Amino acid sequence: MSIDEAIKQLSFHRLKGAHIIKEVLLEAQDLALKQHNFEFKSNMWISYSTAVDSFRVKGVRKHRAMRLGMVEYKYCTYYVRLEEGVPPPNYHLEAETYEARAKEYIEKLRKRSIYLSI
């Protein structure tokens, strides 16, 4: 998907994550122009984009009457890769069927061998 289309679509979402991703895409677009010698601002497409859990910070919160409660702050990391040019028409690979995956698994099992055997 082109970066302009992604930013336009993210501006319609009211979720907190959509706003954060939009800011990251704008920052990545600016970095690509200034530091990585991309030629045009609108001639980019998103080739990889994912968010993964990063780390958690556990703490203790004090309540009334000597009671304690556990607090957990969760963080995540967002990775995005931009490529220059027009996005290809069929970038996403087709999902494998169940039969193809089962056949591949059986072939993998048949190729097994015991180390140092006859």
PDB file of N, CA and C in Angstrom:
ATOM      1  N   MET A   1       0.845  -1.163   0.000  1.00  0.00           N
ATOM      2  CA  MET A   1       0.000   0.000   0.000  1.00  0.00           C
ATOM      3  C   MET A   1       0.896   1.234   0.000  1.00  0.00           C
ATOM      4  N   SER A   2       0.530   2.236  -0.758  1.00  0.00           N
ATOM      5  CA  SER A   2       1.333   3.452  -0.782  1.00  0.00           C
ATOM      6  C   SER A   2       1.188   4.178   0.555  1.00  0.00           C
ATOM      7  N   ILE A   3       2.198   4.946   0.879  1.00  0.00           N
ATOM      8  CA  ILE A   3       2.211   5.594   2.189  1.00  0.00           C
ATOM      9  C   ILE A   3       1.136   6.677   2.274  1.00  0.00           C
ATOM     10  N   ASP A   4       0.843   7.345   1.158  1.00  0.00           N
ATOM     11  CA  ASP A   4      -0.210   8.371   1.177  1.00  0.00           C
ATOM     12  C   ASP A   4      -1.577   7.747   1.456  1.00  0.00           C
ATOM     13  N   GLU A   5      -1.838   6.582   0.854  1.00  0.00           N
ATOM     14  CA  GLU A   5      -3.108   5.890   1.075  1.00  0.00           C
ATOM     15  C   GLU A   5      -3.222   5.408   2.521  1.00  0.00           C
ATOM     16  N   ALA A   6      -2.114   4.917   3.077  1.00  0.00           N
ATOM     17  CA  ALA A   6      -2.131   4.441   4.464  1.00  0.00           C
ATOM     18  C   ALA A   6      -2.395   5.588   5.431  1.00  0.00           C
ATOM     19  N   ILE A   7      -1.764   6.723   5.220  1.00  0.00           N
ATOM     20  CA  ILE A   7      -1.972   7.879   6.099  1.00  0.00           C
ATOM     21  C   ILE A   7      -3.401   8.386   5.980  1.00  0.00           C
ATOM     22  N   LYS A   8      -3.928   8.375   4.767  1.00  0.00           N
ATOM     23  CA  LYS A   8      -5.312   8.821   4.562  1.00  0.00           C
ATOM     24  C   LYS A   8      -6.294   7.895   5.274  1.00  0.00           C
ATOM     25  N   GLN A   9      -6.060   6.571   5.200  1.00  0.00           N
ATOM     26  CA  GLN A   9      -6.962   5.636   5.859  1.00  0.00           C
ATOM     27  C   GLN A   9      -6.838   5.705   7.379  1.00  0.00           C
ATOM     28  N   LEU A  10      -5.622   5.910   7.892  1.00  0.00           N
ATOM     29  CA  LEU A  10      -5.445   5.982   9.343  1.00  0.00           C
ATOM     30  C   LEU A  10      -6.061   7.243   9.938  1.00  0.00           C
ATOM     31  N   SER A  11      -6.224   8.284   9.136  1.00  0.00           N
ATOM     32  CA  SER A  11      -6.814   9.515   9.670  1.00  0.00           C
ATOM     33  C   SER A  11      -8.308   9.348   9.971  1.00  0.00           C
ATOM     34  N   PHE A  12      -8.966   8.319   9.418  1.00  0.00           N
ATOM     35  CA  PHE A  12     -10.383   8.097   9.672  1.00  0.00           C
ATOM     36  C   PHE A  12     -10.654   7.238  10.900  1.00  0.00           C
ATOM     37  N   HIS A  13      -9.623   6.568  11.426  1.00  0.00           N
ATOM     38  CA  HIS A  13      -9.807   5.707  12.594  1.00  0.00           C
ATOM     39  C   HIS A  13      -9.735   6.540  13.869  1.00  0.00           C
ATOM     40  N   ARG A  14     -10.550   6.162  14.853  1.00  0.00           N
ATOM     41  CA  ARG A  14     -10.549   6.872  16.123  1.00  0.00           C
ATOM     42  C   ARG A  14      -9.763   6.144  17.197  1.00  0.00           C
ATOM     43  N   LEU A  15      -9.118   5.036  16.854  1.00  0.00           N
ATOM     44  CA  LEU A  15      -8.371   4.285  17.839  1.00  0.00           C
ATOM     45  C   LEU A  15      -7.048   4.975  18.168  1.00  0.00           C
ATOM     46  N   LYS A  16      -6.572   4.741  19.372  1.00  0.00           N
ATOM     47  CA  LYS A  16      -5.320   5.337  19.818  1.00  0.00           C
ATOM     48  C   LYS A  16      -4.134   4.825  19.004  1.00  0.00           C
ATOM     49  N   GLY A  17      -4.141   3.527  18.705  1.00  0.00           N
ATOM     50  CA  GLY A  17      -3.045   2.934  17.943  1.00  0.00           C
ATOM     51  C   GLY A  17      -2.955   3.482  16.528  1.00  0.00           C
ATOM     52  N   ALA A  18      -4.090   3.778  15.913  1.00  0.00           N
ATOM     53  CA  ALA A  18      -4.088   4.326  14.558  1.00  0.00           C
ATOM     54  C   ALA A  18      -3.429   5.696  14.534  1.00  0.00           C
ATOM     55  N   HIS A  19      -3.672   6.488  15.559  1.00  0.00           N
ATOM     56  CA  HIS A  19      -3.053   7.818  15.642  1.00  0.00           C
ATOM     57  C   HIS A  19      -1.540   7.692  15.814  1.00  0.00           C
ATOM     58  N   ILE A  20      -1.096   6.746  16.629  1.00  0.00           N
ATOM     59  CA  ILE A  20       0.339   6.538  16.859  1.00  0.00           C
ATOM     60  C   ILE A  20       1.012   6.045  15.582  1.00  0.00           C
ATOM     61  N   ILE A  21       0.382   5.096  14.883  1.00  0.00           N
ATOM     62  CA  ILE A  21       0.957   4.570  13.646  1.00  0.00           C
ATOM     63  C   ILE A  21       1.024   5.658  12.583  1.00  0.00           C
ATOM     64  N   LYS A  22       0.027   6.518  12.534  1.00  0.00           N
ATOM     65  CA  LYS A  22       0.050   7.619  11.574  1.00  0.00           C
ATOM     66  C   LYS A  22       1.228   8.542  11.843  1.00  0.00           C
ATOM     67  N   GLU A  23       1.479   8.854  13.116  1.00  0.00           N
ATOM     68  CA  GLU A  23       2.634   9.695  13.459  1.00  0.00           C
ATOM     69  C   GLU A  23       3.947   9.018  13.080  1.00  0.00           C
ATOM     70  N   VAL A  24       4.039   7.709  13.310  1.00  0.00           N
ATOM     71  CA  VAL A  24       5.257   6.968  12.973  1.00  0.00           C
ATOM     72  C   VAL A  24       5.478   6.963  11.466  1.00  0.00           C
ATOM     73  N   LEU A  25       4.415   6.779  10.689  1.00  0.00           N
ATOM     74  CA  LEU A  25       4.548   6.785   9.236  1.00  0.00           C
ATOM     75  C   LEU A  25       4.997   8.146   8.719  1.00  0.00           C
ATOM     76  N   LEU A  26       4.452   9.204   9.289  1.00  0.00           N
ATOM     77  CA  LEU A  26       4.889  10.536   8.880  1.00  0.00           C
ATOM     78  C   LEU A  26       6.352  10.776   9.232  1.00  0.00           C
ATOM     79  N   GLU A  27       6.767  10.310  10.397  1.00  0.00           N
ATOM     80  CA  GLU A  27       8.162  10.454  10.801  1.00  0.00           C
ATOM     81  C   GLU A  27       9.081   9.609   9.915  1.00  0.00           C
ATOM     82  N   ALA A  28       8.648   8.391   9.575  1.00  0.00           N
ATOM     83  CA  ALA A  28       9.443   7.523   8.705  1.00  0.00           C
ATOM     84  C   ALA A  28       9.554   8.115   7.304  1.00  0.00           C
ATOM     85  N   GLN A  29       8.495   8.730   6.839  1.00  0.00           N
ATOM     86  CA  GLN A  29       8.509   9.372   5.533  1.00  0.00           C
ATOM     87  C   GLN A  29       9.509  10.525   5.519  1.00  0.00           C
ATOM     88  N   ASP A  30       9.529  11.300   6.579  1.00  0.00           N
ATOM     89  CA  ASP A  30      10.461  12.416   6.692  1.00  0.00           C
ATOM     90  C   ASP A  30      11.906  11.922   6.789  1.00  0.00           C
ATOM     91  N   LEU A  31      12.139  10.855   7.577  1.00  0.00           N
ATOM     92  CA  LEU A  31      13.481  10.292   7.694  1.00  0.00           C
ATOM     93  C   LEU A  31      13.967   9.712   6.359  1.00  0.00           C
ATOM     94  N   ALA A  32      13.075   9.095   5.614  1.00  0.00           N
ATOM     95  CA  ALA A  32      13.455   8.519   4.325  1.00  0.00           C
ATOM     96  C   ALA A  32      13.917   9.606   3.365  1.00  0.00           C
ATOM     97  N   LEU A  33      13.262  10.747   3.402  1.00  0.00           N
ATOM     98  CA  LEU A  33      13.649  11.848   2.515  1.00  0.00           C
ATOM     99  C   LEU A  33      14.967  12.483   2.943  1.00  0.00           C
ATOM    100  N   LYS A  34      15.129  12.709   4.240  1.00  0.00           N
ATOM    101  CA  LYS A  34      16.293  13.456   4.714  1.00  0.00           C
ATOM    102  C   LYS A  34      17.551  12.603   4.845  1.00  0.00           C
ATOM    103  N   GLN A  35      17.426  11.379   5.362  1.00  0.00           N
ATOM    104  CA  GLN A  35      18.617  10.592   5.684  1.00  0.00           C
ATOM    105  C   GLN A  35      18.892   9.437   4.725  1.00  0.00           C
ATOM    106  N   HIS A  36      17.876   8.959   4.015  1.00  0.00           N
ATOM    107  CA  HIS A  36      18.071   7.763   3.200  1.00  0.00           C
ATOM    108  C   HIS A  36      17.932   8.026   1.705  1.00  0.00           C
ATOM    109  N   ASN A  37      17.972   9.275   1.311  1.00  0.00           N
ATOM    110  CA  ASN A  37      18.041   9.693  -0.098  1.00  0.00           C
ATOM    111  C   ASN A  37      16.877   9.197  -0.953  1.00  0.00           C
ATOM    112  N   PHE A  38      15.677   9.180  -0.401  1.00  0.00           N
ATOM    113  CA  PHE A  38      14.504   8.920  -1.229  1.00  0.00           C
ATOM    114  C   PHE A  38      14.245  10.168  -2.057  1.00  0.00           C
ATOM    115  N   GLU A  39      13.785   9.981  -3.278  1.00  0.00           N
ATOM    116  CA  GLU A  39      13.663  11.117  -4.176  1.00  0.00           C
ATOM    117  C   GLU A  39      12.381  11.922  -3.944  1.00  0.00           C
ATOM    118  N   PHE A  40      11.230  11.237  -3.912  1.00  0.00           N
ATOM    119  CA  PHE A  40       9.951  11.932  -3.785  1.00  0.00           C
ATOM    120  C   PHE A  40       9.221  11.477  -2.541  1.00  0.00           C
ATOM    121  N   LYS A  41       8.441  12.381  -1.975  1.00  0.00           N
ATOM    122  CA  LYS A  41       7.713  12.098  -0.731  1.00  0.00           C
ATOM    123  C   LYS A  41       6.566  11.116  -0.947  1.00  0.00           C
ATOM    124  N   SER A  42       5.915  11.209  -2.093  1.00  0.00           N
ATOM    125  CA  SER A  42       4.736  10.368  -2.325  1.00  0.00           C
ATOM    126  C   SER A  42       5.058   9.085  -3.088  1.00  0.00           C
ATOM    127  N   ASN A  43       6.306   8.871  -3.467  1.00  0.00           N
ATOM    128  CA  ASN A  43       6.684   7.698  -4.240  1.00  0.00           C
ATOM    129  C   ASN A  43       7.264   6.620  -3.319  1.00  0.00           C
ATOM    130  N   MET A  44       6.529   6.274  -2.253  1.00  0.00           N
ATOM    131  CA  MET A  44       6.945   5.249  -1.298  1.00  0.00           C
ATOM    132  C   MET A  44       5.787   4.299  -1.050  1.00  0.00           C
ATOM    133  N   TRP A  45       6.135   3.085  -0.661  1.00  0.00           N
ATOM    134  CA  TRP A  45       5.102   2.139  -0.265  1.00  0.00           C
ATOM    135  C   TRP A  45       5.584   1.355   0.932  1.00  0.00           C
ATOM    136  N   ILE A  46       4.638   0.856   1.716  1.00  0.00           N
ATOM    137  CA  ILE A  46       4.933   0.144   2.952  1.00  0.00           C
ATOM    138  C   ILE A  46       5.086  -1.334   2.607  1.00  0.00           C
ATOM    139  N   SER A  47       6.318  -1.843   2.736  1.00  0.00           N
ATOM    140  CA  SER A  47       6.540  -3.247   2.396  1.00  0.00           C
ATOM    141  C   SER A  47       6.431  -4.146   3.618  1.00  0.00           C
ATOM    142  N   TYR A  48       6.629  -3.598   4.815  1.00  0.00           N
ATOM    143  CA  TYR A  48       6.558  -4.414   6.031  1.00  0.00           C
ATOM    144  C   TYR A  48       6.095  -3.537   7.169  1.00  0.00           C
ATOM    145  N   SER A  49       5.127  -4.008   7.923  1.00  0.00           N
ATOM    146  CA  SER A  49       4.602  -3.235   9.038  1.00  0.00           C
ATOM    147  C   SER A  49       4.041  -4.199  10.072  1.00  0.00           C
ATOM    148  N   THR A  50       4.581  -4.148  11.289  1.00  0.00           N
ATOM    149  CA  THR A  50       4.098  -5.029  12.340  1.00  0.00           C
ATOM    150  C   THR A  50       4.370  -4.416  13.703  1.00  0.00           C
ATOM    151  N   ALA A  51       3.588  -4.839  14.674  1.00  0.00           N
ATOM    152  CA  ALA A  51       3.778  -4.416  16.063  1.00  0.00           C
ATOM    153  C   ALA A  51       3.972  -5.667  16.904  1.00  0.00           C
ATOM    154  N   VAL A  52       4.979  -5.643  17.778  1.00  0.00           N
ATOM    155  CA  VAL A  52       5.266  -6.787  18.638  1.00  0.00           C
ATOM    156  C   VAL A  52       5.339  -6.311  20.087  1.00  0.00           C
ATOM    157  N   ASP A  53       5.036  -7.230  21.006  1.00  0.00           N
ATOM    158  CA  ASP A  53       5.151  -6.906  22.426  1.00  0.00           C
ATOM    159  C   ASP A  53       6.612  -6.710  22.776  1.00  0.00           C
ATOM    160  N   SER A  54       6.891  -5.660  23.521  1.00  0.00           N
ATOM    161  CA  SER A  54       8.274  -5.351  23.840  1.00  0.00           C
ATOM    162  C   SER A  54       8.632  -5.829  25.238  1.00  0.00           C
ATOM    163  N   PHE A  55       8.268  -5.093  26.252  1.00  0.00           N
ATOM    164  CA  PHE A  55       8.570  -5.505  27.614  1.00  0.00           C
ATOM    165  C   PHE A  55       7.480  -5.000  28.537  1.00  0.00           C
ATOM    166  N   ARG A  56       7.501  -5.515  29.753  1.00  0.00           N
ATOM    167  CA  ARG A  56       6.507  -5.141  30.745  1.00  0.00           C
ATOM    168  C   ARG A  56       7.216  -4.732  32.020  1.00  0.00           C
ATOM    169  N   VAL A  57       6.687  -3.713  32.650  1.00  0.00           N
ATOM    170  CA  VAL A  57       7.229  -3.240  33.919  1.00  0.00           C
ATOM    171  C   VAL A  57       6.171  -3.510  34.976  1.00  0.00           C
ATOM    172  N   LYS A  58       6.551  -4.272  35.988  1.00  0.00           N
ATOM    173  CA  LYS A  58       5.614  -4.577  37.062  1.00  0.00           C
ATOM    174  C   LYS A  58       5.923  -3.696  38.251  1.00  0.00           C
ATOM    175  N   GLY A  59       4.889  -3.236  38.887  1.00  0.00           N
ATOM    176  CA  GLY A  59       5.055  -2.383  40.051  1.00  0.00           C
ATOM    177  C   GLY A  59       3.972  -2.657  41.076  1.00  0.00           C
ATOM    178  N   VAL A  60       4.035  -1.896  42.163  1.00  0.00           N
ATOM    179  CA  VAL A  60       3.090  -2.062  43.259  1.00  0.00           C
ATOM    180  C   VAL A  60       2.410  -0.727  43.503  1.00  0.00           C
ATOM    181  N   ARG A  61       1.116  -0.773  43.683  1.00  0.00           N
ATOM    182  CA  ARG A  61       0.349   0.424  43.997  1.00  0.00           C
ATOM    183  C   ARG A  61      -0.221   0.260  45.405  1.00  0.00           C
ATOM    184  N   LYS A  62      -0.077   1.300  46.194  1.00  0.00           N
ATOM    185  CA  LYS A  62      -0.587   1.234  47.570  1.00  0.00           C
ATOM    186  C   LYS A  62      -2.040   1.686  47.592  1.00  0.00           C
ATOM    187  N   HIS A  63      -2.847   0.931  48.316  1.00  0.00           N
ATOM    188  CA  HIS A  63      -4.243   1.281  48.533  1.00  0.00           C
ATOM    189  C   HIS A  63      -4.431   1.643  50.006  1.00  0.00           C
ATOM    190  N   ARG A  64      -5.648   1.899  50.356  1.00  0.00           N
ATOM    191  CA  ARG A  64      -5.962   2.236  51.727  1.00  0.00           C
ATOM    192  C   ARG A  64      -5.866   1.003  52.616  1.00  0.00           C
ATOM    193  N   ALA A  65      -5.581   1.187  53.857  1.00  0.00           N
ATOM    194  CA  ALA A  65      -5.560   0.143  54.885  1.00  0.00           C
ATOM    195  C   ALA A  65      -4.501  -0.914  54.594  1.00  0.00           C
ATOM    196  N   MET A  66      -3.321  -0.482  54.218  1.00  0.00           N
ATOM    197  CA  MET A  66      -2.162  -1.360  54.027  1.00  0.00           C
ATOM    198  C   MET A  66      -2.377  -2.439  52.958  1.00  0.00           C
ATOM    199  N   ARG A  67      -3.200  -2.163  51.993  1.00  0.00           N
ATOM    200  CA  ARG A  67      -3.402  -3.119  50.913  1.00  0.00           C
ATOM    201  C   ARG A  67      -2.549  -2.709  49.718  1.00  0.00           C
ATOM    202  N   LEU A  68      -2.107  -3.705  48.981  1.00  0.00           N
ATOM    203  CA  LEU A  68      -1.260  -3.461  47.825  1.00  0.00           C
ATOM    204  C   LEU A  68      -1.918  -4.045  46.578  1.00  0.00           C
ATOM    205  N   GLY A  69      -1.682  -3.410  45.459  1.00  0.00           N
ATOM    206  CA  GLY A  69      -2.186  -3.910  44.187  1.00  0.00           C
ATOM    207  C   GLY A  69      -1.061  -3.952  43.166  1.00  0.00           C
ATOM    208  N   MET A  70      -1.081  -4.962  42.321  1.00  0.00           N
ATOM    209  CA  MET A  70      -0.060  -5.089  41.284  1.00  0.00           C
ATOM    210  C   MET A  70      -0.441  -4.230  40.082  1.00  0.00           C
ATOM    211  N   VAL A  71       0.538  -3.520  39.549  1.00  0.00           N
ATOM    212  CA  VAL A  71       0.359  -2.692  38.362  1.00  0.00           C
ATOM    213  C   VAL A  71       1.309  -3.206  37.297  1.00  0.00           C
ATOM    214  N   GLU A  72       0.827  -3.310  36.067  1.00  0.00           N
ATOM    215  CA  GLU A  72       1.670  -3.797  34.984  1.00  0.00           C
ATOM    216  C   GLU A  72       1.570  -2.825  33.818  1.00  0.00           C
ATOM    217  N   TYR A  73       2.705  -2.229  33.452  1.00  0.00           N
ATOM    218  CA  TYR A  73       2.776  -1.319  32.320  1.00  0.00           C
ATOM    219  C   TYR A  73       3.318  -2.099  31.130  1.00  0.00           C
ATOM    220  N   LYS A  74       2.535  -2.152  30.051  1.00  0.00           N
ATOM    221  CA  LYS A  74       2.905  -2.947  28.883  1.00  0.00           C
ATOM    222  C   LYS A  74       3.348  -2.003  27.756  1.00  0.00           C
ATOM    223  N   TYR A  75       4.420  -2.385  27.080  1.00  0.00           N
ATOM    224  CA  TYR A  75       4.946  -1.606  25.974  1.00  0.00           C
ATOM    225  C   TYR A  75       5.011  -2.488  24.737  1.00  0.00           C
ATOM    226  N   CYS A  76       4.960  -1.872  23.573  1.00  0.00           N
ATOM    227  CA  CYS A  76       5.116  -2.617  22.336  1.00  0.00           C
ATOM    228  C   CYS A  76       6.001  -1.818  21.383  1.00  0.00           C
ATOM    229  N   THR A  77       6.571  -2.526  20.405  1.00  0.00           N
ATOM    230  CA  THR A  77       7.455  -1.925  19.418  1.00  0.00           C
ATOM    231  C   THR A  77       6.799  -2.054  18.058  1.00  0.00           C
ATOM    232  N   TYR A  78       6.842  -0.980  17.273  1.00  0.00           N
ATOM    233  CA  TYR A  78       6.247  -0.968  15.943  1.00  0.00           C
ATOM    234  C   TYR A  78       7.362  -0.881  14.905  1.00  0.00           C
ATOM    235  N   TYR A  79       7.393  -1.838  13.984  1.00  0.00           N
ATOM    236  CA  TYR A  79       8.383  -1.864  12.924  1.00  0.00           C
ATOM    237  C   TYR A  79       7.707  -1.540  11.591  1.00  0.00           C
ATOM    238  N   VAL A  80       8.339  -0.670  10.826  1.00  0.00           N
ATOM    239  CA  VAL A  80       7.811  -0.343   9.501  1.00  0.00           C
ATOM    240  C   VAL A  80       8.996  -0.226   8.540  1.00  0.00           C
ATOM    241  N   ARG A  81       8.799  -0.751   7.312  1.00  0.00           N
ATOM    242  CA  ARG A  81       9.831  -0.648   6.279  1.00  0.00           C
ATOM    243  C   ARG A  81       9.205  -0.010   5.047  1.00  0.00           C
ATOM    244  N   LEU A  82       9.815   1.046   4.577  1.00  0.00           N
ATOM    245  CA  LEU A  82       9.347   1.749   3.385  1.00  0.00           C
ATOM    246  C   LEU A  82      10.279   1.427   2.225  1.00  0.00           C
ATOM    247  N   GLU A  83       9.699   1.275   1.048  1.00  0.00           N
ATOM    248  CA  GLU A  83      10.488   1.075  -0.158  1.00  0.00           C
ATOM    249  C   GLU A  83      10.075   2.116  -1.176  1.00  0.00           C
ATOM    250  N   GLU A  84      11.051   2.494  -1.993  1.00  0.00           N
ATOM    251  CA  GLU A  84      10.805   3.537  -2.984  1.00  0.00           C
ATOM    252  C   GLU A  84      10.194   2.931  -4.238  1.00  0.00           C
ATOM    253  N   GLY A  85       9.296   3.651  -4.852  1.00  0.00           N
ATOM    254  CA  GLY A  85       8.672   3.205  -6.089  1.00  0.00           C
ATOM    255  C   GLY A  85       7.188   2.918  -5.903  1.00  0.00           C
ATOM    256  N   VAL A  86       6.624   2.319  -6.920  1.00  0.00           N
ATOM    257  CA  VAL A  86       5.199   1.982  -6.921  1.00  0.00           C
ATOM    258  C   VAL A  86       5.038   0.574  -6.348  1.00  0.00           C
ATOM    259  N   PRO A  87       4.042   0.344  -5.495  1.00  0.00           N
ATOM    260  CA  PRO A  87       3.862  -1.004  -4.938  1.00  0.00           C
ATOM    261  C   PRO A  87       3.465  -2.007  -6.019  1.00  0.00           C
ATOM    262  N   PRO A  88       3.965  -3.242  -5.929  1.00  0.00           N
ATOM    263  CA  PRO A  88       3.568  -4.255  -6.914  1.00  0.00           C
ATOM    264  C   PRO A  88       2.096  -4.623  -6.743  1.00  0.00           C
ATOM    265  N   PRO A  89       1.456  -5.098  -7.798  1.00  0.00           N
ATOM    266  CA  PRO A  89       0.014  -5.394  -7.700  1.00  0.00           C
ATOM    267  C   PRO A  89      -0.305  -6.557  -6.766  1.00  0.00           C
ATOM    268  N   ASN A  90       0.512  -7.604  -6.735  1.00  0.00           N
ATOM    269  CA  ASN A  90       0.253  -8.766  -5.886  1.00  0.00           C
ATOM    270  C   ASN A  90       1.423  -8.957  -4.940  1.00  0.00           C
ATOM    271  N   TYR A  91       1.535  -8.080  -3.967  1.00  0.00           N
ATOM    272  CA  TYR A  91       2.656  -8.170  -3.042  1.00  0.00           C
ATOM    273  C   TYR A  91       2.463  -9.275  -2.025  1.00  0.00           C
ATOM    274  N   HIS A  92       1.253  -9.440  -1.504  1.00  0.00           N
ATOM    275  CA  HIS A  92       0.988 -10.439  -0.475  1.00  0.00           C
ATOM    276  C   HIS A  92       0.872 -11.817  -1.100  1.00  0.00           C
ATOM    277  N   LEU A  93       1.573 -12.759  -0.518  1.00  0.00           N
ATOM    278  CA  LEU A  93       1.543 -14.120  -1.030  1.00  0.00           C
ATOM    279  C   LEU A  93       0.214 -14.784  -0.696  1.00  0.00           C
ATOM    280  N   GLU A  94      -0.183 -15.707  -1.560  1.00  0.00           N
ATOM    281  CA  GLU A  94      -1.411 -16.453  -1.317  1.00  0.00           C
ATOM    282  C   GLU A  94      -1.199 -17.412  -0.150  1.00  0.00           C
ATOM    283  N   ALA A  95      -2.205 -17.564   0.666  1.00  0.00           N
ATOM    284  CA  ALA A  95      -2.118 -18.475   1.806  1.00  0.00           C
ATOM    285  C   ALA A  95      -2.129 -19.913   1.312  1.00  0.00           C
ATOM    286  N   GLU A  96      -1.299 -20.739   1.944  1.00  0.00           N
ATOM    287  CA  GLU A  96      -1.251 -22.144   1.567  1.00  0.00           C
ATOM    288  C   GLU A  96      -2.533 -22.852   2.011  1.00  0.00           C
ATOM    289  N   THR A  97      -2.905 -23.841   1.247  1.00  0.00           N
ATOM    290  CA  THR A  97      -4.079 -24.619   1.618  1.00  0.00           C
ATOM    291  C   THR A  97      -3.678 -25.656   2.657  1.00  0.00           C
ATOM    292  N   TYR A  98      -4.665 -26.226   3.295  1.00  0.00           N
ATOM    293  CA  TYR A  98      -4.410 -27.245   4.309  1.00  0.00           C
ATOM    294  C   TYR A  98      -3.749 -28.469   3.690  1.00  0.00           C
ATOM    295  N   GLU A  99      -4.199 -28.850   2.502  1.00  0.00           N
ATOM    296  CA  GLU A  99      -3.650 -30.030   1.841  1.00  0.00           C
ATOM    297  C   GLU A  99      -2.178 -29.845   1.503  1.00  0.00           C
ATOM    298  N   ALA A 100      -1.803 -28.667   1.048  1.00  0.00           N
ATOM    299  CA  ALA A 100      -0.402 -28.413   0.695  1.00  0.00           C
ATOM    300  C   ALA A 100       0.483 -28.438   1.936  1.00  0.00           C
ATOM    301  N   ARG A 101       0.002 -27.864   3.025  1.00  0.00           N
ATOM    302  CA  ARG A 101       0.783 -27.882   4.263  1.00  0.00           C
ATOM    303  C   ARG A 101       0.909 -29.294   4.810  1.00  0.00           C
ATOM    304  N   ALA A 102      -0.165 -30.091   4.736  1.00  0.00           N
ATOM    305  CA  ALA A 102      -0.124 -31.467   5.219  1.00  0.00           C
ATOM    306  C   ALA A 102       0.834 -32.303   4.370  1.00  0.00           C
ATOM    307  N   LYS A 103       0.825 -32.105   3.050  1.00  0.00           N
ATOM    308  CA  LYS A 103       1.720 -32.838   2.168  1.00  0.00           C
ATOM    309  C   LYS A 103       3.179 -32.488   2.462  1.00  0.00           C
ATOM    310  N   GLU A 104       3.456 -31.232   2.694  1.00  0.00           N
ATOM    311  CA  GLU A 104       4.810 -30.794   3.022  1.00  0.00           C
ATOM    312  C   GLU A 104       5.270 -31.388   4.355  1.00  0.00           C
ATOM    313  N   TYR A 105       4.374 -31.452   5.321  1.00  0.00           N
ATOM    314  CA  TYR A 105       4.698 -32.019   6.628  1.00  0.00           C
ATOM    315  C   TYR A 105       5.011 -33.516   6.515  1.00  0.00           C
ATOM    316  N   ILE A 106       4.222 -34.240   5.736  1.00  0.00           N
ATOM    317  CA  ILE A 106       4.455 -35.674   5.559  1.00  0.00           C
ATOM    318  C   ILE A 106       5.784 -35.913   4.857  1.00  0.00           C
ATOM    319  N   GLU A 107       6.112 -35.100   3.849  1.00  0.00           N
ATOM    320  CA  GLU A 107       7.404 -35.235   3.170  1.00  0.00           C
ATOM    321  C   GLU A 107       8.559 -34.964   4.124  1.00  0.00           C
ATOM    322  N   LYS A 108       8.388 -33.995   5.004  1.00  0.00           N
ATOM    323  CA  LYS A 108       9.426 -33.686   5.991  1.00  0.00           C
ATOM    324  C   LYS A 108       9.617 -34.860   6.952  1.00  0.00           C
ATOM    325  N   LEU A 109       8.526 -35.509   7.346  1.00  0.00           N
ATOM    326  CA  LEU A 109       8.622 -36.666   8.221  1.00  0.00           C
ATOM    327  C   LEU A 109       9.297 -37.846   7.521  1.00  0.00           C
ATOM    328  N   ARG A 110       9.021 -38.021   6.242  1.00  0.00           N
ATOM    329  CA  ARG A 110       9.610 -39.141   5.502  1.00  0.00           C
ATOM    330  C   ARG A 110      11.106 -38.953   5.271  1.00  0.00           C
ATOM    331  N   LYS A 111      11.577 -37.735   5.222  1.00  0.00           N
ATOM    332  CA  LYS A 111      12.996 -37.463   4.990  1.00  0.00           C
ATOM    333  C   LYS A 111      13.834 -37.583   6.259  1.00  0.00           C
ATOM    334  N   ARG A 112      13.193 -37.803   7.397  1.00  0.00           N
ATOM    335  CA  ARG A 112      13.943 -37.926   8.637  1.00  0.00           C
ATOM    336  C   ARG A 112      14.824 -39.159   8.606  1.00  0.00           C
ATOM    337  N   SER A 113      15.927 -39.068   9.309  1.00  0.00           N
ATOM    338  CA  SER A 113      16.783 -40.240   9.465  1.00  0.00           C
ATOM    339  C   SER A 113      17.448 -40.190  10.827  1.00  0.00           C
ATOM    340  N   ILE A 114      17.844 -41.357  11.280  1.00  0.00           N
ATOM    341  CA  ILE A 114      18.515 -41.454  12.575  1.00  0.00           C
ATOM    342  C   ILE A 114      20.006 -41.287  12.351  1.00  0.00           C
ATOM    343  N   TYR A 115      20.623 -40.442  13.123  1.00  0.00           N
ATOM    344  CA  TYR A 115      22.030 -40.143  12.986  1.00  0.00           C
ATOM    345  C   TYR A 115      22.882 -41.382  13.259  1.00  0.00           C
ATOM    346  N   LEU A 116      23.869 -41.650  12.383  1.00  0.00           N
ATOM    347  CA  LEU A 116      24.783 -42.793  12.479  1.00  0.00           C
ATOM    348  C   LEU A 116      24.047 -44.135  12.475  1.00  0.00           C
ATOM    349  N   SER A 117      23.024 -44.237  11.671  1.00  0.00           N
ATOM    350  CA  SER A 117      22.313 -45.507  11.550  1.00  0.00           C
ATOM    351  C   SER A 117      22.652 -46.158  10.223  1.00  0.00           C
ATOM    352  N   ILE A 118      22.172 -47.364  10.022  1.00  0.00           N
ATOM    353  CA  ILE A 118      22.454 -48.097   8.778  1.00  0.00           C
ATOM    354  C   ILE A 118      21.659 -47.555   7.627  1.00  0.00           C
TER     355      ILE A 118
END
